[in-house]
C-alpha cells in the first residue's frame, strides 16, 4: 500500500526546529523514556514518526528489523544517518501513520514516540496500527497527553488551536490512552508522569505503556 499524502502537513521549518530541540529533550530524560519504551520490542517492528532516529540506539537484539516512517525530509535524513549506527537493521522511508506500507497482520510491534499528539485523526492512525499488527502484537507508546488537573487541562484545550499551528500539528489536550483502548487494543502497564521537556517549561502529563491486539 503506497503512503498517501500526510493528512496533517507540517511547515518545512518544523523538522529543523525539532532537530535542534529534540536532543535537548533527550538529555533531560526523554532518552530514558524512549529506552524503556522499546524494551519489550521484538521481531518485526514499524516505528511511526521516527523523527531523527532517537529510539534507534535502544532497540534490543531480539528485534529482527525496523521499518521507520518519517514524513519530514530534514528529520528523515537524520534518521537515515542514525539507522546506519543502530544495533538492529533499520530501514527509513517516507511515510505517515495514517497509511502504513505493510500488509495486514504482518508486524509484531508498532512503536509511537511523541507522535499520536500530532496526527490529524488518532482513530485513523490507530486503525492502521490494528490492521498491521499480528494477533497478540503490541503498540508501544510514549506520548504527552491532557493533564488530569482540571484547570491545566482546560487551559491546554484553549491553547490547542494556536499551539497546533505553530508546533507541527501537536495537540496537548488529547486523552491518547483512552483512544488507544477505544481502537480495540488492550492497554497494559500504563505509566503516567510529569515531564518538563525544556528548561523553564511546566511538567506536562506524559504516558508510557503498551497495548496488545487481541
N, C-alpha and C. Protein backbone atom coordinates (compact mmCIF):
# COMPACT_ATOMS: atom_id res chain seq x y z
N UNK A 1 0.85 -1.19 0.00
CA UNK A 1 0.00 0.00 0.00
C UNK A 1 0.89 1.25 0.00
N UNK A 2 0.71 2.13 -0.97
CA UNK A 2 1.54 3.32 -1.05
C UNK A 2 1.06 4.36 -0.05
N UNK A 3 2.01 5.08 0.63
CA UNK A 3 1.61 6.10 1.58
C UNK A 3 0.82 7.21 0.88
N UNK A 4 -0.25 7.65 1.47
CA UNK A 4 -1.00 8.77 0.94
C UNK A 4 -0.40 10.06 1.50
N UNK A 5 -0.76 11.20 0.92
CA UNK A 5 -0.21 12.46 1.44
C UNK A 5 -0.52 12.63 2.91
N UNK A 6 0.40 13.25 3.62
CA UNK A 6 0.22 13.46 5.06
C UNK A 6 -1.04 14.28 5.31
N UNK A 7 -1.87 13.83 6.24
CA UNK A 7 -3.14 14.50 6.49
C UNK A 7 -2.99 15.68 7.42
N UNK A 8 -1.84 15.84 8.03
CA UNK A 8 -1.60 16.97 8.91
C UNK A 8 -0.23 17.56 8.57
N UNK A 9 -0.08 18.18 7.38
CA UNK A 9 1.23 18.60 6.91
C UNK A 9 1.86 19.64 7.83
N UNK A 10 3.20 19.57 7.93
CA UNK A 10 3.95 20.49 8.78
C UNK A 10 4.72 21.48 7.93
N UNK A 11 4.97 22.68 8.44
CA UNK A 11 5.80 23.62 7.69
C UNK A 11 7.21 23.09 7.58
N UNK A 12 7.96 23.48 6.53
CA UNK A 12 9.31 22.98 6.35
C UNK A 12 10.24 23.27 7.53
N UNK A 13 9.92 24.33 8.27
CA UNK A 13 10.78 24.71 9.40
C UNK A 13 10.64 23.77 10.59
N UNK A 14 9.56 22.97 10.62
CA UNK A 14 9.33 22.13 11.80
C UNK A 14 10.47 21.15 12.02
N UNK A 15 10.87 20.47 10.96
CA UNK A 15 11.92 19.47 11.09
C UNK A 15 13.22 20.07 11.59
N UNK A 16 13.57 21.22 11.07
CA UNK A 16 14.81 21.87 11.51
C UNK A 16 14.73 22.26 12.98
N UNK A 17 13.56 22.76 13.39
CA UNK A 17 13.39 23.16 14.79
C UNK A 17 13.44 21.95 15.71
N UNK A 18 12.75 20.88 15.32
CA UNK A 18 12.72 19.70 16.19
C UNK A 18 14.08 19.03 16.26
N UNK A 19 14.83 19.10 15.17
CA UNK A 19 16.18 18.53 15.18
C UNK A 19 17.07 19.25 16.19
N UNK A 20 16.79 20.52 16.44
CA UNK A 20 17.56 21.27 17.44
C UNK A 20 17.05 21.02 18.85
N UNK A 21 15.73 20.96 19.00
CA UNK A 21 15.13 20.86 20.33
C UNK A 21 15.16 19.42 20.86
N UNK A 22 14.96 18.45 19.98
CA UNK A 22 14.84 17.06 20.40
C UNK A 22 15.99 16.56 21.25
N UNK A 23 17.25 16.76 20.84
CA UNK A 23 18.35 16.27 21.66
C UNK A 23 18.39 16.91 23.05
N UNK A 24 17.91 18.14 23.18
CA UNK A 24 17.84 18.76 24.50
C UNK A 24 16.80 18.06 25.36
N UNK A 25 15.67 17.68 24.77
CA UNK A 25 14.67 16.91 25.48
C UNK A 25 15.25 15.56 25.92
N UNK A 26 15.98 14.93 25.01
CA UNK A 26 16.56 13.63 25.32
C UNK A 26 17.50 13.72 26.52
N UNK A 27 18.29 14.78 26.56
CA UNK A 27 19.26 14.95 27.64
C UNK A 27 18.56 15.17 28.98
N UNK A 28 17.33 15.69 28.95
CA UNK A 28 16.59 15.95 30.19
C UNK A 28 15.77 14.75 30.66
N UNK A 29 15.82 13.66 29.92
CA UNK A 29 15.11 12.47 30.36
C UNK A 29 14.34 11.74 29.28
N UNK A 30 14.09 12.38 28.13
CA UNK A 30 13.31 11.72 27.08
C UNK A 30 14.04 10.50 26.54
N UNK A 31 15.37 10.53 26.51
CA UNK A 31 16.13 9.37 26.02
C UNK A 31 15.86 8.15 26.89
N UNK A 32 15.79 8.35 28.20
CA UNK A 32 15.49 7.22 29.08
C UNK A 32 14.07 6.73 28.87
N UNK A 33 13.15 7.65 28.63
CA UNK A 33 11.77 7.26 28.34
C UNK A 33 11.73 6.40 27.07
N UNK A 34 12.47 6.80 26.05
CA UNK A 34 12.50 6.05 24.80
C UNK A 34 13.13 4.66 25.00
N UNK A 35 14.18 4.61 25.81
CA UNK A 35 14.83 3.33 26.08
C UNK A 35 13.85 2.36 26.72
N UNK A 36 13.10 2.85 27.73
CA UNK A 36 12.12 1.98 28.39
C UNK A 36 10.96 1.63 27.46
N UNK A 37 10.63 2.57 26.58
CA UNK A 37 9.55 2.34 25.62
C UNK A 37 9.79 1.09 24.79
N UNK A 38 11.00 0.95 24.25
CA UNK A 38 11.24 -0.12 23.27
C UNK A 38 11.81 -1.39 23.91
N UNK A 39 11.95 -1.43 25.21
CA UNK A 39 12.46 -2.65 25.86
C UNK A 39 11.66 -3.90 25.48
N UNK A 40 10.31 -3.82 25.36
CA UNK A 40 9.55 -5.04 25.01
C UNK A 40 9.53 -5.35 23.51
N UNK A 41 10.18 -4.51 22.69
CA UNK A 41 10.11 -4.70 21.24
C UNK A 41 10.80 -6.01 20.83
N UNK A 42 10.25 -6.64 19.79
CA UNK A 42 10.79 -7.89 19.31
C UNK A 42 10.29 -8.13 17.89
N UNK A 43 10.97 -8.99 17.18
CA UNK A 43 10.51 -9.37 15.85
C UNK A 43 10.48 -8.21 14.87
N UNK A 44 9.44 -8.20 14.03
CA UNK A 44 9.29 -7.16 13.01
C UNK A 44 8.59 -5.94 13.62
N UNK A 45 9.21 -4.78 13.47
CA UNK A 45 8.74 -3.55 14.11
C UNK A 45 8.48 -2.49 13.05
N UNK A 46 7.40 -1.74 13.23
CA UNK A 46 7.17 -0.50 12.48
C UNK A 46 7.20 0.65 13.47
N UNK A 47 8.00 1.65 13.20
CA UNK A 47 8.01 2.86 14.03
C UNK A 47 7.42 4.01 13.23
N UNK A 48 6.37 4.62 13.78
CA UNK A 48 5.73 5.74 13.09
C UNK A 48 6.33 7.05 13.60
N UNK A 49 6.51 8.01 12.70
CA UNK A 49 7.07 9.30 13.10
C UNK A 49 8.41 9.15 13.78
N UNK A 50 9.36 8.53 13.11
CA UNK A 50 10.64 8.19 13.74
C UNK A 50 11.52 9.39 14.02
N UNK A 51 11.16 10.56 13.47
CA UNK A 51 11.94 11.76 13.74
C UNK A 51 13.39 11.61 13.29
N UNK A 52 14.31 12.00 14.16
CA UNK A 52 15.74 11.92 13.81
C UNK A 52 16.37 10.61 14.27
N UNK A 53 15.53 9.61 14.58
CA UNK A 53 16.03 8.30 14.95
C UNK A 53 16.44 8.17 16.40
N UNK A 54 15.79 8.92 17.28
CA UNK A 54 16.19 8.93 18.68
C UNK A 54 15.98 7.60 19.38
N UNK A 55 15.05 6.79 18.90
CA UNK A 55 14.83 5.48 19.53
C UNK A 55 15.78 4.40 19.01
N UNK A 56 16.38 4.61 17.87
CA UNK A 56 17.13 3.55 17.20
C UNK A 56 18.21 2.90 18.09
N UNK A 57 18.98 3.68 18.88
CA UNK A 57 20.05 3.04 19.65
C UNK A 57 19.55 2.07 20.71
N UNK A 58 18.26 2.12 21.05
CA UNK A 58 17.75 1.37 22.19
C UNK A 58 17.03 0.08 21.82
N UNK A 59 16.89 -0.22 20.53
CA UNK A 59 16.18 -1.44 20.16
C UNK A 59 16.97 -2.67 20.59
N UNK A 60 16.31 -3.63 21.25
CA UNK A 60 17.00 -4.83 21.71
C UNK A 60 17.32 -5.79 20.55
N UNK A 61 18.23 -6.70 20.80
CA UNK A 61 18.72 -7.59 19.75
C UNK A 61 17.66 -8.55 19.24
N UNK A 62 16.57 -8.75 20.01
CA UNK A 62 15.50 -9.66 19.55
C UNK A 62 14.65 -9.03 18.45
N UNK A 63 14.88 -7.76 18.15
CA UNK A 63 14.20 -7.12 17.01
C UNK A 63 14.90 -7.55 15.73
N UNK A 64 14.16 -8.10 14.80
CA UNK A 64 14.75 -8.58 13.55
C UNK A 64 14.85 -7.49 12.50
N UNK A 65 14.06 -6.44 12.63
CA UNK A 65 14.12 -5.34 11.69
C UNK A 65 13.10 -4.28 12.03
N UNK A 66 13.43 -3.02 11.74
CA UNK A 66 12.55 -1.88 12.00
C UNK A 66 12.28 -1.17 10.68
N UNK A 67 11.02 -0.98 10.36
CA UNK A 67 10.61 -0.11 9.25
C UNK A 67 10.22 1.21 9.88
N UNK A 68 11.02 2.25 9.69
CA UNK A 68 10.83 3.54 10.36
C UNK A 68 10.27 4.55 9.36
N UNK A 69 9.09 5.10 9.69
CA UNK A 69 8.43 6.06 8.81
C UNK A 69 8.63 7.48 9.34
N UNK A 70 9.03 8.38 8.45
CA UNK A 70 9.19 9.79 8.82
C UNK A 70 8.89 10.66 7.60
N UNK A 71 7.84 11.49 7.67
CA UNK A 71 7.46 12.31 6.51
C UNK A 71 8.30 13.57 6.31
N UNK A 72 8.95 14.07 7.37
CA UNK A 72 9.70 15.32 7.25
C UNK A 72 11.07 15.05 6.64
N UNK A 73 11.45 15.73 5.55
CA UNK A 73 12.72 15.41 4.87
C UNK A 73 13.96 15.69 5.71
N UNK A 74 13.94 16.76 6.51
CA UNK A 74 15.09 17.05 7.36
C UNK A 74 15.30 15.96 8.40
N UNK A 75 14.22 15.60 9.09
CA UNK A 75 14.31 14.56 10.11
C UNK A 75 14.61 13.20 9.49
N UNK A 76 14.06 12.95 8.31
CA UNK A 76 14.30 11.66 7.66
C UNK A 76 15.78 11.49 7.29
N UNK A 77 16.41 12.55 6.86
CA UNK A 77 17.84 12.49 6.54
C UNK A 77 18.66 12.17 7.78
N UNK A 78 18.30 12.78 8.91
CA UNK A 78 18.99 12.48 10.17
C UNK A 78 18.72 11.05 10.61
N UNK A 79 17.50 10.59 10.39
CA UNK A 79 17.15 9.21 10.76
C UNK A 79 17.95 8.21 9.92
N UNK A 80 18.17 8.50 8.67
CA UNK A 80 18.97 7.61 7.82
C UNK A 80 20.38 7.46 8.38
N UNK A 81 20.95 8.57 8.85
CA UNK A 81 22.28 8.50 9.44
C UNK A 81 22.25 7.70 10.74
N UNK A 82 21.21 7.91 11.55
CA UNK A 82 21.09 7.17 12.81
C UNK A 82 20.88 5.68 12.56
N UNK A 83 20.17 5.34 11.48
CA UNK A 83 19.92 3.94 11.16
C UNK A 83 21.22 3.20 10.87
N UNK A 84 22.17 3.88 10.28
CA UNK A 84 23.45 3.24 9.96
C UNK A 84 24.21 2.85 11.22
N UNK A 85 23.91 3.51 12.35
CA UNK A 85 24.60 3.22 13.61
C UNK A 85 23.77 2.36 14.55
N UNK A 86 22.56 1.99 14.15
CA UNK A 86 21.65 1.27 15.04
C UNK A 86 22.13 -0.17 15.28
N UNK A 87 21.80 -0.75 16.43
CA UNK A 87 22.22 -2.11 16.74
C UNK A 87 21.41 -3.20 16.04
N UNK A 88 20.31 -2.81 15.39
CA UNK A 88 19.47 -3.75 14.64
C UNK A 88 19.22 -3.15 13.26
N UNK A 89 18.80 -3.95 12.28
CA UNK A 89 18.53 -3.40 10.95
C UNK A 89 17.35 -2.43 10.97
N UNK A 90 17.58 -1.23 10.46
CA UNK A 90 16.54 -0.20 10.40
C UNK A 90 16.47 0.33 8.97
N UNK A 91 15.27 0.32 8.42
CA UNK A 91 15.01 0.90 7.10
C UNK A 91 14.15 2.13 7.28
N UNK A 92 14.61 3.27 6.79
CA UNK A 92 13.90 4.54 6.94
C UNK A 92 13.23 4.90 5.63
N UNK A 93 11.93 5.19 5.67
CA UNK A 93 11.19 5.55 4.46
C UNK A 93 10.30 6.75 4.73
N UNK A 94 9.88 7.39 3.66
CA UNK A 94 8.90 8.48 3.72
C UNK A 94 7.52 7.85 3.90
N UNK A 95 6.86 8.15 5.00
CA UNK A 95 5.55 7.55 5.23
C UNK A 95 4.86 8.18 6.41
N UNK A 96 3.58 7.91 6.55
CA UNK A 96 2.77 8.51 7.61
C UNK A 96 2.00 7.44 8.36
N UNK A 97 1.60 7.78 9.58
CA UNK A 97 0.91 6.82 10.44
C UNK A 97 -0.45 6.42 9.89
N UNK A 98 -1.07 7.32 9.12
CA UNK A 98 -2.41 7.05 8.61
C UNK A 98 -2.44 6.05 7.46
N UNK A 99 -1.28 5.66 6.94
CA UNK A 99 -1.23 4.72 5.82
C UNK A 99 0.08 3.94 5.89
N UNK A 100 0.08 2.86 6.65
CA UNK A 100 1.31 2.10 6.88
C UNK A 100 1.60 1.18 5.70
N UNK A 101 2.80 1.24 5.15
CA UNK A 101 3.13 0.48 3.93
C UNK A 101 3.54 -0.96 4.23
N UNK A 102 2.65 -1.68 4.88
CA UNK A 102 2.91 -3.08 5.18
C UNK A 102 1.60 -3.85 5.21
N UNK A 103 1.69 -5.15 5.07
CA UNK A 103 0.50 -5.97 4.90
C UNK A 103 -0.25 -6.16 6.21
N UNK A 104 -1.49 -6.59 6.09
CA UNK A 104 -2.31 -6.90 7.26
C UNK A 104 -1.64 -7.98 8.11
N UNK A 105 -1.71 -7.81 9.43
CA UNK A 105 -1.25 -8.83 10.39
C UNK A 105 0.16 -9.31 10.08
N UNK A 106 1.06 -8.38 9.77
CA UNK A 106 2.43 -8.74 9.38
C UNK A 106 3.49 -8.23 10.34
N UNK A 107 3.09 -7.53 11.40
CA UNK A 107 4.04 -6.82 12.27
C UNK A 107 3.86 -7.28 13.71
N UNK A 108 4.97 -7.46 14.41
CA UNK A 108 4.90 -7.85 15.82
C UNK A 108 4.70 -6.66 16.74
N UNK A 109 5.29 -5.52 16.40
CA UNK A 109 5.27 -4.36 17.28
C UNK A 109 5.19 -3.09 16.45
N UNK A 110 4.36 -2.14 16.88
CA UNK A 110 4.37 -0.77 16.36
C UNK A 110 4.83 0.15 17.49
N UNK A 111 5.73 1.05 17.17
CA UNK A 111 6.28 1.99 18.15
C UNK A 111 5.84 3.40 17.79
N UNK A 112 5.33 4.12 18.78
CA UNK A 112 4.93 5.52 18.62
C UNK A 112 5.56 6.34 19.74
N UNK A 113 6.46 7.24 19.38
CA UNK A 113 7.16 8.05 20.36
C UNK A 113 6.89 9.53 20.08
N UNK A 114 6.00 10.12 20.87
CA UNK A 114 5.62 11.53 20.74
C UNK A 114 5.11 11.83 19.33
N UNK A 115 4.19 10.97 18.87
CA UNK A 115 3.66 11.08 17.52
C UNK A 115 2.14 11.24 17.51
N UNK A 116 1.44 10.49 18.35
CA UNK A 116 -0.02 10.48 18.29
C UNK A 116 -0.64 11.81 18.73
N UNK A 117 0.17 12.70 19.29
CA UNK A 117 -0.32 14.05 19.59
C UNK A 117 -0.51 14.86 18.32
N UNK A 118 0.21 14.49 17.25
CA UNK A 118 0.25 15.36 16.08
C UNK A 118 -0.45 14.81 14.84
N UNK A 119 -0.89 13.55 14.87
CA UNK A 119 -1.63 13.07 13.70
C UNK A 119 -2.98 13.78 13.64
N UNK A 120 -3.49 13.96 12.43
CA UNK A 120 -4.75 14.69 12.27
C UNK A 120 -5.91 13.97 12.92
N UNK A 121 -5.93 12.65 12.82
CA UNK A 121 -7.03 11.86 13.36
C UNK A 121 -6.45 10.60 14.00
N UNK A 122 -6.45 10.56 15.32
CA UNK A 122 -5.87 9.41 16.01
C UNK A 122 -6.58 8.11 15.64
N UNK A 123 -7.88 8.16 15.44
CA UNK A 123 -8.62 6.93 15.15
C UNK A 123 -8.18 6.32 13.83
N UNK A 124 -7.86 7.15 12.84
CA UNK A 124 -7.39 6.63 11.55
C UNK A 124 -6.02 5.97 11.72
N UNK A 125 -5.11 6.66 12.42
CA UNK A 125 -3.77 6.11 12.64
C UNK A 125 -3.84 4.81 13.43
N UNK A 126 -4.68 4.76 14.44
CA UNK A 126 -4.76 3.56 15.27
C UNK A 126 -5.46 2.41 14.54
N UNK A 127 -6.37 2.73 13.64
CA UNK A 127 -6.96 1.67 12.82
C UNK A 127 -5.89 1.01 11.95
N UNK A 128 -4.94 1.80 11.47
CA UNK A 128 -3.82 1.24 10.71
C UNK A 128 -2.92 0.38 11.60
N UNK A 129 -2.69 0.83 12.83
CA UNK A 129 -1.90 0.03 13.78
C UNK A 129 -2.56 -1.32 14.00
N UNK A 130 -3.86 -1.33 14.25
CA UNK A 130 -4.59 -2.58 14.47
C UNK A 130 -4.52 -3.46 13.22
N UNK A 131 -4.62 -2.84 12.07
CA UNK A 131 -4.59 -3.62 10.81
C UNK A 131 -3.28 -4.37 10.64
N UNK A 132 -2.15 -3.71 10.89
CA UNK A 132 -0.86 -4.33 10.56
C UNK A 132 -0.34 -5.25 11.66
N UNK A 133 -0.84 -5.10 12.90
CA UNK A 133 -0.36 -5.95 13.98
C UNK A 133 -0.89 -7.38 13.85
N UNK A 134 -0.03 -8.33 14.16
CA UNK A 134 -0.47 -9.70 14.29
C UNK A 134 -1.29 -9.85 15.57
N UNK A 135 -2.15 -10.86 15.67
CA UNK A 135 -2.83 -11.12 16.94
C UNK A 135 -1.80 -11.31 18.06
N UNK A 136 -2.00 -10.61 19.16
CA UNK A 136 -1.03 -10.63 20.25
C UNK A 136 0.08 -9.60 20.09
N UNK A 137 0.10 -8.89 18.96
CA UNK A 137 1.12 -7.87 18.73
C UNK A 137 0.92 -6.66 19.63
N UNK A 138 1.96 -5.84 19.72
CA UNK A 138 1.97 -4.73 20.68
C UNK A 138 2.10 -3.38 19.99
N UNK A 139 1.36 -2.41 20.51
CA UNK A 139 1.64 -1.00 20.27
C UNK A 139 2.38 -0.48 21.51
N UNK A 140 3.60 -0.01 21.32
CA UNK A 140 4.37 0.61 22.40
C UNK A 140 4.30 2.12 22.20
N UNK A 141 3.84 2.84 23.22
CA UNK A 141 3.60 4.27 23.04
C UNK A 141 4.17 5.10 24.18
N UNK A 142 4.73 6.25 23.80
CA UNK A 142 5.24 7.27 24.72
C UNK A 142 4.70 8.59 24.18
N UNK A 143 3.78 9.20 24.92
CA UNK A 143 3.06 10.37 24.39
C UNK A 143 2.82 11.38 25.50
N UNK A 144 2.74 12.66 25.13
CA UNK A 144 2.26 13.64 26.10
C UNK A 144 0.77 13.85 25.87
N UNK A 145 0.04 14.04 26.98
CA UNK A 145 -1.42 13.96 26.95
C UNK A 145 -2.04 15.08 27.78
N UNK A 146 -3.34 15.16 27.74
CA UNK A 146 -4.07 16.16 28.51
C UNK A 146 -3.85 15.96 30.00
N UNK A 147 -3.65 17.05 30.71
CA UNK A 147 -3.44 16.99 32.15
C UNK A 147 -4.70 16.52 32.86
N UNK A 148 -4.50 15.74 33.94
CA UNK A 148 -5.63 15.33 34.77
C UNK A 148 -6.09 16.46 35.69
N UNK A 149 -5.27 17.50 35.81
CA UNK A 149 -5.64 18.66 36.62
C UNK A 149 -6.68 19.47 35.86
N UNK A 150 -7.83 19.74 36.48
CA UNK A 150 -8.96 20.34 35.77
C UNK A 150 -8.60 21.67 35.13
N UNK A 151 -7.96 22.56 35.86
CA UNK A 151 -7.66 23.89 35.33
C UNK A 151 -6.61 23.81 34.22
N UNK A 152 -5.54 23.04 34.46
CA UNK A 152 -4.49 22.93 33.45
C UNK A 152 -5.03 22.23 32.20
N UNK A 153 -5.85 21.20 32.39
CA UNK A 153 -6.44 20.53 31.24
C UNK A 153 -7.31 21.46 30.41
N UNK A 154 -8.08 22.32 31.08
CA UNK A 154 -8.90 23.29 30.36
C UNK A 154 -8.03 24.28 29.60
N UNK A 155 -6.93 24.71 30.22
CA UNK A 155 -6.02 25.64 29.56
C UNK A 155 -5.39 25.00 28.32
N UNK A 156 -5.05 23.72 28.42
CA UNK A 156 -4.49 23.03 27.26
C UNK A 156 -5.51 22.97 26.12
N UNK A 157 -6.77 22.79 26.48
CA UNK A 157 -7.81 22.79 25.46
C UNK A 157 -7.92 24.13 24.77
N UNK A 158 -7.79 25.21 25.53
CA UNK A 158 -7.90 26.55 24.96
C UNK A 158 -6.75 26.89 24.02
N UNK A 159 -5.54 26.46 24.36
CA UNK A 159 -4.38 26.84 23.55
C UNK A 159 -4.15 25.90 22.37
N UNK A 160 -4.86 24.78 22.33
CA UNK A 160 -4.58 23.79 21.29
C UNK A 160 -4.69 24.33 19.87
N UNK A 161 -5.73 25.10 19.49
CA UNK A 161 -5.80 25.56 18.09
C UNK A 161 -4.57 26.36 17.66
N UNK A 162 -4.10 27.27 18.51
CA UNK A 162 -2.92 28.06 18.16
C UNK A 162 -1.66 27.21 18.25
N UNK A 163 -1.52 26.44 19.33
CA UNK A 163 -0.32 25.63 19.51
C UNK A 163 -0.15 24.62 18.36
N UNK A 164 -1.26 24.05 17.91
CA UNK A 164 -1.20 23.08 16.83
C UNK A 164 -0.64 23.69 15.55
N UNK A 165 -0.97 24.95 15.31
CA UNK A 165 -0.49 25.60 14.09
C UNK A 165 1.01 25.89 14.14
N UNK A 166 1.53 26.19 15.32
CA UNK A 166 2.94 26.58 15.41
C UNK A 166 3.85 25.42 15.82
N UNK A 167 3.27 24.28 16.21
CA UNK A 167 4.08 23.17 16.73
C UNK A 167 3.86 21.89 15.94
N UNK A 168 3.76 22.02 14.64
CA UNK A 168 3.72 20.84 13.79
C UNK A 168 2.50 19.96 13.98
N UNK A 169 1.36 20.55 14.33
CA UNK A 169 0.14 19.78 14.49
C UNK A 169 -0.05 19.17 15.86
N UNK A 170 0.83 19.49 16.81
CA UNK A 170 0.75 18.93 18.14
C UNK A 170 -0.52 19.36 18.86
N UNK A 171 -1.21 18.40 19.49
CA UNK A 171 -2.40 18.66 20.29
C UNK A 171 -2.10 18.28 21.74
N UNK A 172 -1.93 19.23 22.63
CA UNK A 172 -1.59 18.90 24.02
C UNK A 172 -2.78 18.48 24.87
N UNK A 173 -3.96 18.37 24.26
CA UNK A 173 -5.17 18.12 25.05
C UNK A 173 -5.81 16.76 24.77
N UNK A 174 -5.03 15.82 24.24
CA UNK A 174 -5.60 14.53 23.86
C UNK A 174 -5.48 13.49 24.98
N UNK A 175 -6.53 12.70 25.13
CA UNK A 175 -6.53 11.57 26.07
C UNK A 175 -6.17 10.32 25.29
N UNK A 176 -4.89 10.21 24.96
CA UNK A 176 -4.44 9.22 23.99
C UNK A 176 -4.65 7.79 24.47
N UNK A 177 -4.41 7.51 25.74
CA UNK A 177 -4.58 6.14 26.23
C UNK A 177 -6.02 5.67 26.05
N UNK A 178 -6.98 6.56 26.29
CA UNK A 178 -8.39 6.19 26.13
C UNK A 178 -8.72 5.92 24.66
N UNK A 179 -8.13 6.70 23.76
CA UNK A 179 -8.39 6.49 22.33
C UNK A 179 -7.77 5.17 21.88
N UNK A 180 -6.59 4.84 22.41
CA UNK A 180 -5.96 3.56 22.09
C UNK A 180 -6.87 2.41 22.52
N UNK A 181 -7.41 2.49 23.73
CA UNK A 181 -8.32 1.46 24.21
C UNK A 181 -9.58 1.40 23.34
N UNK A 182 -10.06 2.56 22.93
CA UNK A 182 -11.25 2.60 22.09
C UNK A 182 -11.04 2.04 20.70
N UNK A 183 -9.77 1.94 20.29
CA UNK A 183 -9.47 1.37 18.97
C UNK A 183 -9.49 -0.15 18.99
N UNK A 184 -9.70 -0.74 20.16
CA UNK A 184 -9.78 -2.19 20.25
C UNK A 184 -8.52 -2.85 20.77
N UNK A 185 -7.57 -2.05 21.27
CA UNK A 185 -6.35 -2.58 21.85
C UNK A 185 -6.48 -2.64 23.37
N UNK A 186 -5.81 -3.58 23.98
CA UNK A 186 -5.87 -3.74 25.43
C UNK A 186 -4.67 -3.07 26.07
N UNK A 187 -4.91 -1.94 26.75
CA UNK A 187 -3.81 -1.18 27.35
C UNK A 187 -3.32 -1.90 28.59
N UNK A 188 -1.99 -2.00 28.72
CA UNK A 188 -1.39 -2.68 29.86
C UNK A 188 -0.13 -1.93 30.30
N UNK A 189 0.16 -1.99 31.58
CA UNK A 189 1.38 -1.39 32.09
C UNK A 189 1.48 0.10 31.86
N UNK A 190 0.36 0.81 31.97
CA UNK A 190 0.37 2.24 31.68
C UNK A 190 1.04 3.02 32.82
N UNK A 191 2.01 3.85 32.48
CA UNK A 191 2.68 4.72 33.44
C UNK A 191 2.39 6.17 33.07
N UNK A 192 1.95 6.94 34.04
CA UNK A 192 1.63 8.36 33.81
C UNK A 192 2.57 9.20 34.68
N UNK A 193 3.16 10.23 34.10
CA UNK A 193 4.14 11.03 34.84
C UNK A 193 4.24 12.43 34.24
N UNK A 194 4.76 13.36 35.03
CA UNK A 194 5.02 14.70 34.55
C UNK A 194 6.44 14.81 34.03
N UNK A 195 6.62 15.59 32.97
CA UNK A 195 7.94 15.75 32.38
C UNK A 195 8.08 17.15 31.81
N UNK A 196 9.14 17.83 32.21
CA UNK A 196 9.46 19.15 31.67
C UNK A 196 10.48 18.97 30.55
N UNK A 197 10.06 19.13 29.32
CA UNK A 197 10.90 18.81 28.17
C UNK A 197 12.08 19.76 28.02
N UNK A 198 11.88 21.03 28.40
CA UNK A 198 12.93 22.04 28.23
C UNK A 198 13.01 22.90 29.48
N UNK A 199 14.14 23.51 29.73
CA UNK A 199 14.26 24.37 30.91
C UNK A 199 13.19 25.46 30.91
N UNK A 200 12.55 25.65 32.06
CA UNK A 200 11.52 26.67 32.19
C UNK A 200 10.14 26.21 31.78
N UNK A 201 10.04 25.03 31.17
CA UNK A 201 8.73 24.51 30.78
C UNK A 201 8.04 23.84 31.96
N UNK A 202 6.71 23.89 32.02
CA UNK A 202 6.00 23.17 33.09
C UNK A 202 6.12 21.68 32.89
N UNK A 203 5.90 20.93 33.98
CA UNK A 203 5.89 19.46 33.89
C UNK A 203 4.53 19.04 33.32
N UNK A 204 4.54 18.65 32.06
CA UNK A 204 3.31 18.26 31.39
C UNK A 204 3.09 16.75 31.51
N UNK A 205 1.83 16.36 31.44
CA UNK A 205 1.48 14.95 31.59
C UNK A 205 1.95 14.14 30.40
N UNK A 206 2.58 13.01 30.69
CA UNK A 206 3.01 12.05 29.68
C UNK A 206 2.54 10.66 30.08
N UNK A 207 2.41 9.79 29.09
CA UNK A 207 2.12 8.38 29.36
C UNK A 207 3.11 7.52 28.60
N UNK A 208 3.41 6.38 29.19
CA UNK A 208 4.30 5.40 28.58
C UNK A 208 3.69 4.03 28.85
N UNK A 209 3.49 3.25 27.82
CA UNK A 209 2.88 1.96 28.06
C UNK A 209 2.82 1.10 26.82
N UNK A 210 2.06 0.03 26.91
CA UNK A 210 1.89 -0.91 25.81
C UNK A 210 0.41 -1.24 25.69
N UNK A 211 0.02 -1.65 24.50
CA UNK A 211 -1.33 -2.09 24.25
C UNK A 211 -1.28 -3.27 23.29
N UNK A 212 -2.00 -4.32 23.57
CA UNK A 212 -1.92 -5.53 22.78
C UNK A 212 -3.16 -5.70 21.90
N UNK A 213 -2.97 -6.33 20.76
CA UNK A 213 -4.08 -6.66 19.87
C UNK A 213 -4.62 -8.03 20.25
N UNK A 214 -5.90 -8.15 20.49
CA UNK A 214 -6.46 -9.45 20.87
C UNK A 214 -6.20 -10.52 19.80
